[in-house]
Protein backbone atom coordinates (compact mmCIF):
# COMPACT_ATOMS: atom_id res chain seq x y z
CA MET A 1 12.34 15.42 -19.43
CA PRO A 2 14.47 14.08 -16.56
CA LYS A 3 13.16 11.00 -14.86
CA GLN A 4 12.63 11.21 -11.09
CA ILE A 5 15.02 8.83 -9.34
CA TYR A 6 12.86 8.13 -6.28
CA THR A 7 9.14 7.80 -5.75
CA SER A 8 7.23 10.42 -3.80
CA GLU A 9 6.99 7.86 -0.97
CA TYR A 10 10.77 7.62 -0.78
CA GLN A 11 11.03 11.44 -0.84
CA HIS A 12 8.63 11.54 2.17
CA PHE A 13 10.83 8.91 3.86
CA LEU A 14 13.80 11.21 3.52
CA VAL A 15 11.91 14.10 5.05
CA ARG A 16 10.92 11.87 8.00
CA LEU A 17 14.52 10.60 8.36
CA ARG A 18 15.91 14.14 8.65
CA ALA A 19 13.08 15.25 10.95
CA ALA A 20 13.63 12.22 13.29
CA ARG A 21 17.32 13.09 13.57
CA LYS A 22 16.50 16.71 14.38
CA ARG A 23 13.93 15.64 16.92
CA ALA A 24 16.50 13.43 18.57
CA GLU A 25 18.67 16.54 18.73
CA LEU A 26 21.55 14.91 16.97
CA THR A 27 23.84 16.40 14.33
CA GLN A 28 24.90 14.42 11.25
CA ILE A 29 28.38 14.19 12.78
CA GLU A 30 27.00 12.68 16.04
CA VAL A 31 24.89 10.17 14.11
CA ALA A 32 27.84 9.19 11.95
CA GLN A 33 30.03 8.66 15.01
CA ARG A 34 27.45 6.49 16.72
CA LEU A 35 26.95 4.39 13.55
CA GLY A 36 30.73 4.15 12.89
CA LYS A 37 30.35 5.85 9.51
CA PRO A 38 31.67 9.09 8.01
CA GLN A 39 29.48 12.18 8.19
CA SER A 40 29.12 12.05 4.37
CA TYR A 41 27.25 8.73 4.77
CA VAL A 42 24.50 10.40 6.85
CA SER A 43 24.41 13.39 4.47
CA LYS A 44 24.04 11.14 1.42
CA CYS A 45 21.34 9.04 3.07
CA GLU A 46 19.33 12.10 4.03
CA SER A 47 19.67 13.82 0.63
CA GLY A 48 18.80 10.72 -1.35
CA GLU A 49 22.20 10.46 -2.96
CA ARG A 50 22.57 7.06 -1.30
CA ARG A 51 19.63 4.63 -1.12
CA VAL A 52 18.93 3.44 2.46
CA ASP A 53 18.26 -0.32 2.86
CA ALA A 54 16.08 -1.97 5.49
CA VAL A 55 18.93 -2.78 7.86
CA GLU A 56 20.08 0.84 7.78
CA VAL A 57 16.52 2.13 8.36
CA ALA A 58 16.39 -0.04 11.52
CA ALA A 59 19.73 1.31 12.69
CA PHE A 60 18.54 4.90 12.22
CA ALA A 61 15.27 4.14 13.98
CA ARG A 62 17.00 2.66 16.99
CA LEU A 63 19.38 5.60 17.21
CA TYR A 64 16.58 8.15 16.94
CA GLY A 65 14.31 6.35 19.36
CA VAL A 66 11.53 5.88 16.86
CA SER A 67 10.01 2.81 15.29
CA VAL A 68 10.84 1.73 11.77
CA GLU A 69 7.11 2.16 11.01
CA GLU A 70 7.37 5.87 11.92
CA LEU A 71 10.18 6.34 9.36
CA VAL A 72 8.55 4.38 6.55
CA SER A 73 4.94 5.36 7.22
CA SER A 74 2.95 6.52 4.13
CA THR A 75 1.61 9.50 6.04
CA PRO A 76 4.13 12.37 5.77
CA GLU A 77 2.07 14.93 7.62
CA GLU A 78 3.44 14.08 11.03
CA TYR A 79 7.03 14.79 10.01
CA VAL A 80 7.00 18.17 8.48
CA GLU A 81 10.47 19.70 8.63
CA GLU A 82 10.84 22.70 10.86
């Protein structure tokens, strides 16, 4: 039986991260350009292939115009992907 890499809380964070980007009406390419990173960085962060640290969470939050709390909140209901 394969072990899950991330907790359900982290999986919910990833959903909120993607949803926040979409609500900010930004593409992964636009986010990458603004952060000075390659598009693959954003893709890997959103897919869970790359673990996002606290400093990076803050950078995403600033860029998307949301609070860090909104991204790391334990209530996933408000960020259902559309």
